Amino acid sequence: PKAYNNGHWGLMQIKHATARGMGYDGPAKGLFDAETNLKYAVKYLRGAWLVAGGNAKKADWLYQTGYYYDAKRKGLLEATGLGRDRQRRRLQPDA
């Protein structure tokens, strides 16, 4: 669980910034705790699974590379915990 590699922390090798995006508010070294690491990394992995449409291979790839823009394009920011989906407002022509 004390694994560290180029900004990736702990058991599931999650970045501190990614964990913070999933709700973690502790120090980066806190991600060495296996339970903490799993809590936030699994949230992120769940989001990758949703964006991948249940495709395990694609979810693994998205977990490793990031999926914010894919989630945004698919309207899944809220479902993945990455942010709020916004509806684009179209201007109505004057009647």
PDB file of N, CA and C in Angstrom:
ATOM      1  N   PRO A   1       0.790  -1.215   0.000  1.00  0.00           N
ATOM      2  CA  PRO A   1       0.000   0.000   0.000  1.00  0.00           C
ATOM      3  C   PRO A   1       0.833   1.281   0.000  1.00  0.00           C
ATOM      4  N   LYS A   2       2.119   1.199   0.297  1.00  0.00           N
ATOM      5  CA  LYS A   2       2.961   2.400   0.336  1.00  0.00           C
ATOM      6  C   LYS A   2       3.641   2.645  -1.008  1.00  0.00           C
ATOM      7  N   ALA A   3       3.022   2.199  -2.064  1.00  0.00           N
ATOM      8  CA  ALA A   3       3.593   2.382  -3.394  1.00  0.00           C
ATOM      9  C   ALA A   3       3.421   3.831  -3.845  1.00  0.00           C
ATOM     10  N   TYR A   4       4.449   4.355  -4.478  1.00  0.00           N
ATOM     11  CA  TYR A   4       4.402   5.703  -5.045  1.00  0.00           C
ATOM     12  C   TYR A   4       5.143   5.679  -6.367  1.00  0.00           C
ATOM     13  N   ASN A   5       4.539   6.245  -7.400  1.00  0.00           N
ATOM     14  CA  ASN A   5       5.189   6.298  -8.698  1.00  0.00           C
ATOM     15  C   ASN A   5       4.757   7.556  -9.435  1.00  0.00           C
ATOM     16  N   ASN A   6       5.662   8.511  -9.527  1.00  0.00           N
ATOM     17  CA  ASN A   6       5.442   9.694 -10.361  1.00  0.00           C
ATOM     18  C   ASN A   6       4.087  10.378 -10.121  1.00  0.00           C
ATOM     19  N   GLY A   7       3.761  10.623  -8.861  1.00  0.00           N
ATOM     20  CA  GLY A   7       2.519  11.319  -8.543  1.00  0.00           C
ATOM     21  C   GLY A   7       1.316  10.434  -8.323  1.00  0.00           C
ATOM     22  N   HIS A   8       1.493   9.135  -8.456  1.00  0.00           N
ATOM     23  CA  HIS A   8       0.413   8.171  -8.248  1.00  0.00           C
ATOM     24  C   HIS A   8       0.646   7.487  -6.904  1.00  0.00           C
ATOM     25  N   TRP A   9      -0.378   7.507  -6.044  1.00  0.00           N
ATOM     26  CA  TRP A   9      -0.220   7.100  -4.654  1.00  0.00           C
ATOM     27  C   TRP A   9      -0.972   5.819  -4.320  1.00  0.00           C
ATOM     28  N   GLY A  10      -0.325   4.959  -3.528  1.00  0.00           N
ATOM     29  CA  GLY A  10      -0.990   3.846  -2.865  1.00  0.00           C
ATOM     30  C   GLY A  10      -1.416   2.692  -3.740  1.00  0.00           C
ATOM     31  N   LEU A  11      -2.297   1.897  -3.144  1.00  0.00           N
ATOM     32  CA  LEU A  11      -2.731   0.625  -3.702  1.00  0.00           C
ATOM     33  C   LEU A  11      -3.228   0.715  -5.145  1.00  0.00           C
ATOM     34  N   MET A  12      -4.087   1.669  -5.434  1.00  0.00           N
ATOM     35  CA  MET A  12      -4.657   1.788  -6.782  1.00  0.00           C
ATOM     36  C   MET A  12      -4.024   2.899  -7.604  1.00  0.00           C
ATOM     37  N   GLN A  13      -2.894   3.431  -7.115  1.00  0.00           N
ATOM     38  CA  GLN A  13      -2.098   4.406  -7.857  1.00  0.00           C
ATOM     39  C   GLN A  13      -2.934   5.586  -8.355  1.00  0.00           C
ATOM     40  N   ILE A  14      -3.651   6.215  -7.442  1.00  0.00           N
ATOM     41  CA  ILE A  14      -4.483   7.370  -7.781  1.00  0.00           C
ATOM     42  C   ILE A  14      -3.698   8.655  -7.539  1.00  0.00           C
ATOM     43  N   LYS A  15      -3.890   9.634  -8.389  1.00  0.00           N
ATOM     44  CA  LYS A  15      -3.244  10.934  -8.198  1.00  0.00           C
ATOM     45  C   LYS A  15      -3.968  11.697  -7.093  1.00  0.00           C
ATOM     46  N   HIS A  16      -3.216  12.506  -6.363  1.00  0.00           N
ATOM     47  CA  HIS A  16      -3.807  13.306  -5.290  1.00  0.00           C
ATOM     48  C   HIS A  16      -4.895  14.226  -5.841  1.00  0.00           C
ATOM     49  N   ALA A  17      -4.640  14.868  -6.959  1.00  0.00           N
ATOM     50  CA  ALA A  17      -5.633  15.770  -7.556  1.00  0.00           C
ATOM     51  C   ALA A  17      -6.907  15.017  -7.944  1.00  0.00           C
ATOM     52  N   THR A  18      -6.762  13.806  -8.433  1.00  0.00           N
ATOM     53  CA  THR A  18      -7.925  12.999  -8.800  1.00  0.00           C
ATOM     54  C   THR A  18      -8.728  12.642  -7.562  1.00  0.00           C
ATOM     55  N   ALA A  19      -8.037  12.220  -6.502  1.00  0.00           N
ATOM     56  CA  ALA A  19      -8.721  11.887  -5.248  1.00  0.00           C
ATOM     57  C   ALA A  19      -9.453  13.112  -4.699  1.00  0.00           C
ATOM     58  N   ARG A  20      -8.821  14.279  -4.798  1.00  0.00           N
ATOM     59  CA  ARG A  20      -9.472  15.514  -4.341  1.00  0.00           C
ATOM     60  C   ARG A  20     -10.730  15.784  -5.156  1.00  0.00           C
ATOM     61  N   GLY A  21     -10.666  15.515  -6.438  1.00  0.00           N
ATOM     62  CA  GLY A  21     -11.841  15.671  -7.289  1.00  0.00           C
ATOM     63  C   GLY A  21     -12.976  14.730  -6.914  1.00  0.00           C
ATOM     64  N   MET A  22     -12.640  13.624  -6.262  1.00  0.00           N
ATOM     65  CA  MET A  22     -13.634  12.652  -5.812  1.00  0.00           C
ATOM     66  C   MET A  22     -14.086  12.911  -4.375  1.00  0.00           C
ATOM     67  N   GLY A  23     -13.577  14.010  -3.768  1.00  0.00           N
ATOM     68  CA  GLY A  23     -14.027  14.382  -2.431  1.00  0.00           C
ATOM     69  C   GLY A  23     -13.009  14.242  -1.320  1.00  0.00           C
ATOM     70  N   TYR A  24     -11.826  13.735  -1.610  1.00  0.00           N
ATOM     71  CA  TYR A  24     -10.785  13.584  -0.590  1.00  0.00           C
ATOM     72  C   TYR A  24     -10.239  14.955  -0.225  1.00  0.00           C
ATOM     73  N   ASP A  25     -10.057  15.205   1.083  1.00  0.00           N
ATOM     74  CA  ASP A  25      -9.536  16.512   1.486  1.00  0.00           C
ATOM     75  C   ASP A  25      -8.292  16.411   2.360  1.00  0.00           C
ATOM     76  N   GLY A  26      -7.643  15.268   2.359  1.00  0.00           N
ATOM     77  CA  GLY A  26      -6.443  15.083   3.162  1.00  0.00           C
ATOM     78  C   GLY A  26      -5.173  15.282   2.360  1.00  0.00           C
ATOM     79  N   PRO A  27      -4.032  15.077   3.027  1.00  0.00           N
ATOM     80  CA  PRO A  27      -2.746  15.209   2.340  1.00  0.00           C
ATOM     81  C   PRO A  27      -2.504  14.039   1.387  1.00  0.00           C
ATOM     82  N   ALA A  28      -1.614  14.240   0.446  1.00  0.00           N
ATOM     83  CA  ALA A  28      -1.305  13.191  -0.530  1.00  0.00           C
ATOM     84  C   ALA A  28      -0.855  11.907   0.162  1.00  0.00           C
ATOM     85  N   LYS A  29      -0.040  12.025   1.203  1.00  0.00           N
ATOM     86  CA  LYS A  29       0.454  10.823   1.901  1.00  0.00           C
ATOM     87  C   LYS A  29      -0.667  10.035   2.562  1.00  0.00           C
ATOM     88  N   GLY A  30      -1.800  10.671   2.796  1.00  0.00           N
ATOM     89  CA  GLY A  30      -2.954   9.968   3.352  1.00  0.00           C
ATOM     90  C   GLY A  30      -3.481   8.896   2.413  1.00  0.00           C
ATOM     91  N   LEU A  31      -3.133   8.998   1.138  1.00  0.00           N
ATOM     92  CA  LEU A  31      -3.565   8.001   0.154  1.00  0.00           C
ATOM     93  C   LEU A  31      -2.783   6.699   0.267  1.00  0.00           C
ATOM     94  N   PHE A  32      -1.758   6.670   1.128  1.00  0.00           N
ATOM     95  CA  PHE A  32      -1.070   5.412   1.411  1.00  0.00           C
ATOM     96  C   PHE A  32      -1.943   4.485   2.253  1.00  0.00           C
ATOM     97  N   ASP A  33      -2.919   5.037   2.971  1.00  0.00           N
ATOM     98  CA  ASP A  33      -3.851   4.216   3.738  1.00  0.00           C
ATOM     99  C   ASP A  33      -4.741   3.470   2.743  1.00  0.00           C
ATOM    100  N   ALA A  34      -4.715   2.137   2.808  1.00  0.00           N
ATOM    101  CA  ALA A  34      -5.410   1.324   1.810  1.00  0.00           C
ATOM    102  C   ALA A  34      -6.906   1.618   1.757  1.00  0.00           C
ATOM    103  N   GLU A  35      -7.548   1.771   2.909  1.00  0.00           N
ATOM    104  CA  GLU A  35      -8.990   2.021   2.925  1.00  0.00           C
ATOM    105  C   GLU A  35      -9.327   3.363   2.276  1.00  0.00           C
ATOM    106  N   THR A  36      -8.547   4.373   2.599  1.00  0.00           N
ATOM    107  CA  THR A  36      -8.752   5.698   2.006  1.00  0.00           C
ATOM    108  C   THR A  36      -8.518   5.648   0.505  1.00  0.00           C
ATOM    109  N   ASN A  37      -7.430   5.009   0.099  1.00  0.00           N
ATOM    110  CA  ASN A  37      -7.085   4.904  -1.310  1.00  0.00           C
ATOM    111  C   ASN A  37      -8.203   4.212  -2.084  1.00  0.00           C
ATOM    112  N   LEU A  38      -8.676   3.098  -1.556  1.00  0.00           N
ATOM    113  CA  LEU A  38      -9.745   2.363  -2.232  1.00  0.00           C
ATOM    114  C   LEU A  38     -11.031   3.176  -2.322  1.00  0.00           C
ATOM    115  N   LYS A  39     -11.357   3.893  -1.255  1.00  0.00           N
ATOM    116  CA  LYS A  39     -12.599   4.678  -1.243  1.00  0.00           C
ATOM    117  C   LYS A  39     -12.663   5.647  -2.423  1.00  0.00           C
ATOM    118  N   TYR A  40     -11.586   6.380  -2.645  1.00  0.00           N
ATOM    119  CA  TYR A  40     -11.606   7.406  -3.689  1.00  0.00           C
ATOM    120  C   TYR A  40     -11.256   6.848  -5.063  1.00  0.00           C
ATOM    121  N   ALA A  41     -10.376   5.870  -5.123  1.00  0.00           N
ATOM    122  CA  ALA A  41     -10.017   5.280  -6.417  1.00  0.00           C
ATOM    123  C   ALA A  41     -11.185   4.493  -6.999  1.00  0.00           C
ATOM    124  N   VAL A  42     -11.939   3.802  -6.152  1.00  0.00           N
ATOM    125  CA  VAL A  42     -13.088   3.038  -6.652  1.00  0.00           C
ATOM    126  C   VAL A  42     -14.190   3.983  -7.139  1.00  0.00           C
ATOM    127  N   LYS A  43     -14.352   5.132  -6.483  1.00  0.00           N
ATOM    128  CA  LYS A  43     -15.297   6.138  -6.992  1.00  0.00           C
ATOM    129  C   LYS A  43     -14.894   6.560  -8.404  1.00  0.00           C
ATOM    130  N   TYR A  44     -13.597   6.782  -8.584  1.00  0.00           N
ATOM    131  CA  TYR A  44     -13.103   7.207  -9.893  1.00  0.00           C
ATOM    132  C   TYR A  44     -13.253   6.081 -10.921  1.00  0.00           C
ATOM    133  N   LEU A  45     -12.973   4.855 -10.508  1.00  0.00           N
ATOM    134  CA  LEU A  45     -13.116   3.703 -11.396  1.00  0.00           C
ATOM    135  C   LEU A  45     -14.581   3.505 -11.795  1.00  0.00           C
ATOM    136  N   ARG A  46     -15.502   3.727 -10.863  1.00  0.00           N
ATOM    137  CA  ARG A  46     -16.927   3.637 -11.175  1.00  0.00           C
ATOM    138  C   ARG A  46     -17.290   4.627 -12.280  1.00  0.00           C
ATOM    139  N   GLY A  47     -16.759   5.837 -12.184  1.00  0.00           N
ATOM    140  CA  GLY A  47     -17.009   6.834 -13.222  1.00  0.00           C
ATOM    141  C   GLY A  47     -16.475   6.387 -14.571  1.00  0.00           C
ATOM    142  N   ALA A  48     -15.288   5.794 -14.563  1.00  0.00           N
ATOM    143  CA  ALA A  48     -14.708   5.281 -15.811  1.00  0.00           C
ATOM    144  C   ALA A  48     -15.603   4.198 -16.405  1.00  0.00           C
ATOM    145  N   TRP A  49     -16.155   3.354 -15.533  1.00  0.00           N
ATOM    146  CA  TRP A  49     -17.056   2.280 -15.969  1.00  0.00           C
ATOM    147  C   TRP A  49     -18.312   2.874 -16.619  1.00  0.00           C
ATOM    148  N   LEU A  50     -18.863   3.913 -16.011  1.00  0.00           N
ATOM    149  CA  LEU A  50     -20.056   4.561 -16.571  1.00  0.00           C
ATOM    150  C   LEU A  50     -19.765   5.172 -17.939  1.00  0.00           C
ATOM    151  N   VAL A  51     -18.659   5.883 -18.038  1.00  0.00           N
ATOM    152  CA  VAL A  51     -18.294   6.531 -19.300  1.00  0.00           C
ATOM    153  C   VAL A  51     -18.011   5.488 -20.379  1.00  0.00           C
ATOM    154  N   ALA A  52     -17.450   4.349 -19.973  1.00  0.00           N
ATOM    155  CA  ALA A  52     -17.122   3.280 -20.917  1.00  0.00           C
ATOM    156  C   ALA A  52     -18.341   2.454 -21.303  1.00  0.00           C
ATOM    157  N   GLY A  53     -19.481   2.754 -20.727  1.00  0.00           N
ATOM    158  CA  GLY A  53     -20.692   2.007 -21.061  1.00  0.00           C
ATOM    159  C   GLY A  53     -20.635   0.559 -20.625  1.00  0.00           C
ATOM    160  N   GLY A  54     -19.903   0.290 -19.544  1.00  0.00           N
ATOM    161  CA  GLY A  54     -19.807  -1.071 -19.025  1.00  0.00           C
ATOM    162  C   GLY A  54     -18.723  -1.922 -19.668  1.00  0.00           C
ATOM    163  N   ASN A  55     -17.950  -1.355 -20.567  1.00  0.00           N
ATOM    164  CA  ASN A  55     -16.864  -2.085 -21.219  1.00  0.00           C
ATOM    165  C   ASN A  55     -15.640  -2.061 -20.298  1.00  0.00           C
ATOM    166  N   ALA A  56     -15.288  -3.215 -19.725  1.00  0.00           N
ATOM    167  CA  ALA A  56     -14.218  -3.284 -18.721  1.00  0.00           C
ATOM    168  C   ALA A  56     -12.868  -2.838 -19.272  1.00  0.00           C
ATOM    169  N   LYS A  57     -12.548  -3.230 -20.495  1.00  0.00           N
ATOM    170  CA  LYS A  57     -11.263  -2.855 -21.090  1.00  0.00           C
ATOM    171  C   LYS A  57     -11.160  -1.338 -21.270  1.00  0.00           C
ATOM    172  N   LYS A  58     -12.234  -0.748 -21.771  1.00  0.00           N
ATOM    173  CA  LYS A  58     -12.239   0.695 -21.973  1.00  0.00           C
ATOM    174  C   LYS A  58     -12.236   1.428 -20.629  1.00  0.00           C
ATOM    175  N   ALA A  59     -12.950   0.892 -19.634  1.00  0.00           N
ATOM    176  CA  ALA A  59     -12.969   1.504 -18.300  1.00  0.00           C
ATOM    177  C   ALA A  59     -11.570   1.511 -17.698  1.00  0.00           C
ATOM    178  N   ASP A  60     -10.824   0.435 -17.873  1.00  0.00           N
ATOM    179  CA  ASP A  60      -9.442   0.363 -17.380  1.00  0.00           C
ATOM    180  C   ASP A  60      -8.592   1.430 -18.060  1.00  0.00           C
ATOM    181  N   TRP A  61      -8.737   1.558 -19.365  1.00  0.00           N
ATOM    182  CA  TRP A  61      -7.979   2.562 -20.116  1.00  0.00           C
ATOM    183  C   TRP A  61      -8.343   3.972 -19.654  1.00  0.00           C
ATOM    184  N   LEU A  62      -9.639   4.234 -19.476  1.00  0.00           N
ATOM    185  CA  LEU A  62     -10.082   5.554 -19.026  1.00  0.00           C
ATOM    186  C   LEU A  62      -9.594   5.857 -17.615  1.00  0.00           C
ATOM    187  N   TYR A  63      -9.560   4.855 -16.742  1.00  0.00           N
ATOM    188  CA  TYR A  63      -9.047   5.036 -15.381  1.00  0.00           C
ATOM    189  C   TYR A  63      -7.588   5.485 -15.429  1.00  0.00           C
ATOM    190  N   GLN A  64      -6.834   4.898 -16.333  1.00  0.00           N
ATOM    191  CA  GLN A  64      -5.406   5.211 -16.443  1.00  0.00           C
ATOM    192  C   GLN A  64      -5.151   6.561 -17.107  1.00  0.00           C
ATOM    193  N   THR A  65      -5.984   6.933 -18.054  1.00  0.00           N
ATOM    194  CA  THR A  65      -5.701   8.126 -18.856  1.00  0.00           C
ATOM    195  C   THR A  65      -6.546   9.343 -18.496  1.00  0.00           C
ATOM    196  N   GLY A  66      -7.648   9.126 -17.805  1.00  0.00           N
ATOM    197  CA  GLY A  66      -8.557  10.217 -17.471  1.00  0.00           C
ATOM    198  C   GLY A  66      -9.738  10.235 -18.414  1.00  0.00           C
ATOM    199  N   TYR A  67     -10.848  10.746 -17.901  1.00  0.00           N
ATOM    200  CA  TYR A  67     -12.060  10.695 -18.720  1.00  0.00           C
ATOM    201  C   TYR A  67     -12.948  11.929 -18.590  1.00  0.00           C
ATOM    202  N   TYR A  68     -12.425  13.018 -18.081  1.00  0.00           N
ATOM    203  CA  TYR A  68     -13.245  14.218 -17.882  1.00  0.00           C
ATOM    204  C   TYR A  68     -13.955  14.653 -19.170  1.00  0.00           C
ATOM    205  N   TYR A  69     -13.221  14.790 -20.249  1.00  0.00           N
ATOM    206  CA  TYR A  69     -13.824  15.307 -21.485  1.00  0.00           C
ATOM    207  C   TYR A  69     -14.809  14.315 -22.102  1.00  0.00           C
ATOM    208  N   ASP A  70     -14.540  13.019 -21.955  1.00  0.00           N
ATOM    209  CA  ASP A  70     -15.503  12.020 -22.425  1.00  0.00           C
ATOM    210  C   ASP A  70     -16.789  12.106 -21.608  1.00  0.00           C
ATOM    211  N   ALA A  71     -16.645  12.257 -20.282  1.00  0.00           N
ATOM    212  CA  ALA A  71     -17.820  12.377 -19.411  1.00  0.00           C
ATOM    213  C   ALA A  71     -18.599  13.646 -19.735  1.00  0.00           C
ATOM    214  N   LYS A  72     -17.880  14.729 -19.985  1.00  0.00           N
ATOM    215  CA  LYS A  72     -18.537  15.999 -20.312  1.00  0.00           C
ATOM    216  C   LYS A  72     -19.316  15.874 -21.614  1.00  0.00           C
ATOM    217  N   ARG A  73     -18.685  15.286 -22.620  1.00  0.00           N
ATOM    218  CA  ARG A  73     -19.331  15.127 -23.927  1.00  0.00           C
ATOM    219  C   ARG A  73     -20.587  14.262 -23.832  1.00  0.00           C
ATOM    220  N   LYS A  74     -20.558  13.259 -22.952  1.00  0.00           N
ATOM    221  CA  LYS A  74     -21.692  12.347 -22.800  1.00  0.00           C
ATOM    222  C   LYS A  74     -22.718  12.825 -21.770  1.00  0.00           C
ATOM    223  N   GLY A  75     -22.465  13.984 -21.152  1.00  0.00           N
ATOM    224  CA  GLY A  75     -23.392  14.490 -20.141  1.00  0.00           C
ATOM    225  C   GLY A  75     -23.362  13.687 -18.855  1.00  0.00           C
ATOM    226  N   LEU A  76     -22.186  13.152 -18.506  1.00  0.00           N
ATOM    227  CA  LEU A  76     -22.056  12.295 -17.328  1.00  0.00           C
ATOM    228  C   LEU A  76     -21.202  12.899 -16.216  1.00  0.00           C
ATOM    229  N   LEU A  77     -20.982  14.200 -16.241  1.00  0.00           N
ATOM    230  CA  LEU A  77     -20.141  14.804 -15.202  1.00  0.00           C
ATOM    231  C   LEU A  77     -20.721  14.581 -13.808  1.00  0.00           C
ATOM    232  N   GLU A  78     -22.010  14.805 -13.638  1.00  0.00           N
ATOM    233  CA  GLU A  78     -22.621  14.616 -12.322  1.00  0.00           C
ATOM    234  C   GLU A  78     -22.631  13.148 -11.930  1.00  0.00           C
ATOM    235  N   ALA A  79     -22.967  12.269 -12.847  1.00  0.00           N
ATOM    236  CA  ALA A  79     -23.030  10.838 -12.547  1.00  0.00           C
ATOM    237  C   ALA A  79     -21.672  10.282 -12.130  1.00  0.00           C
ATOM    238  N   THR A  80     -20.604  10.842 -12.684  1.00  0.00           N
ATOM    239  CA  THR A  80     -19.262  10.357 -12.356  1.00  0.00           C
ATOM    240  C   THR A  80     -18.653  11.078 -11.163  1.00  0.00           C
ATOM    241  N   GLY A  81     -19.283  12.146 -10.711  1.00  0.00           N
ATOM    242  CA  GLY A  81     -18.743  12.909  -9.590  1.00  0.00           C
ATOM    243  C   GLY A  81     -17.694  13.924  -9.991  1.00  0.00           C
ATOM    244  N   LEU A  82     -17.559  14.189 -11.283  1.00  0.00           N
ATOM    245  CA  LEU A  82     -16.529  15.112 -11.760  1.00  0.00           C
ATOM    246  C   LEU A  82     -16.988  16.560 -11.834  1.00  0.00           C
ATOM    247  N   GLY A  83     -18.268  16.813 -11.733  1.00  0.00           N
ATOM    248  CA  GLY A  83     -18.738  18.192 -11.834  1.00  0.00           C
ATOM    249  C   GLY A  83     -20.217  18.246 -12.129  1.00  0.00           C
ATOM    250  N   ARG A  84     -20.639  19.394 -12.603  1.00  0.00           N
ATOM    251  CA  ARG A  84     -22.044  19.598 -12.942  1.00  0.00           C
ATOM    252  C   ARG A  84     -22.213  19.624 -14.450  1.00  0.00           C
ATOM    253  N   ASP A  85     -23.234  18.922 -14.906  1.00  0.00           N
ATOM    254  CA  ASP A  85     -23.578  18.993 -16.325  1.00  0.00           C
ATOM    255  C   ASP A  85     -24.333  20.287 -16.556  1.00  0.00           C
ATOM    256  N   ARG A  86     -24.024  20.938 -17.628  1.00  0.00           N
ATOM    257  CA  ARG A  86     -24.696  22.195 -17.959  1.00  0.00           C
ATOM    258  C   ARG A  86     -25.387  22.045 -19.297  1.00  0.00           C
ATOM    259  N   GLN A  87     -26.596  22.537 -19.344  1.00  0.00           N
ATOM    260  CA  GLN A  87     -27.336  22.560 -20.603  1.00  0.00           C
ATOM    261  C   GLN A  87     -26.959  23.829 -21.347  1.00  0.00           C
ATOM    262  N   ARG A  88     -26.671  23.704 -22.596  1.00  0.00           N
ATOM    263  CA  ARG A  88     -26.407  24.900 -23.402  1.00  0.00           C
ATOM    264  C   ARG A  88     -27.732  25.564 -23.719  1.00  0.00           C
ATOM    265  N   ARG A  89     -27.769  26.838 -23.507  1.00  0.00           N
ATOM    266  CA  ARG A  89     -28.988  27.584 -23.811  1.00  0.00           C
ATOM    267  C   ARG A  89     -28.887  28.139 -25.221  1.00  0.00           C
ATOM    268  N   ARG A  90     -29.906  27.886 -25.975  1.00  0.00           N
ATOM    269  CA  ARG A  90     -29.945  28.433 -27.332  1.00  0.00           C
ATOM    270  C   ARG A  90     -30.764  29.711 -27.303  1.00  0.00           C
ATOM    271  N   LEU A  91     -30.276  30.683 -28.001  1.00  0.00           N
ATOM    272  CA  LEU A  91     -31.011  31.938 -28.095  1.00  0.00           C
ATOM    273  C   LEU A  91     -32.226  31.735 -28.982  1.00  0.00           C
ATOM    274  N   GLN A  92     -33.350  32.209 -28.512  1.00  0.00           N
ATOM    275  CA  GLN A  92     -34.581  32.107 -29.287  1.00  0.00           C
ATOM    276  C   GLN A  92     -34.690  33.335 -30.189  1.00  0.00           C
ATOM    277  N   PRO A  93     -35.003  33.140 -31.449  1.00  0.00           N
ATOM    278  CA  PRO A  93     -35.166  34.304 -32.334  1.00  0.00           C
ATOM    279  C   PRO A  93     -36.370  35.129 -31.885  1.00  0.00           C
ATOM    280  N   ASP A  94     -36.272  36.415 -32.091  1.00  0.00           N
ATOM    281  CA  ASP A  94     -37.391  37.298 -31.744  1.00  0.00           C
ATOM    282  C   ASP A  94     -38.605  36.934 -32.591  1.00  0.00           C
ATOM    283  N   ALA A  95     -39.743  36.865 -31.925  1.00  0.00           N
ATOM    284  CA  ALA A  95     -40.974  36.494 -32.643  1.00  0.00           C
ATOM    285  C   ALA A  95     -41.718  37.709 -33.133  1.00  0.00           C
TER     286      ALA A  95
END
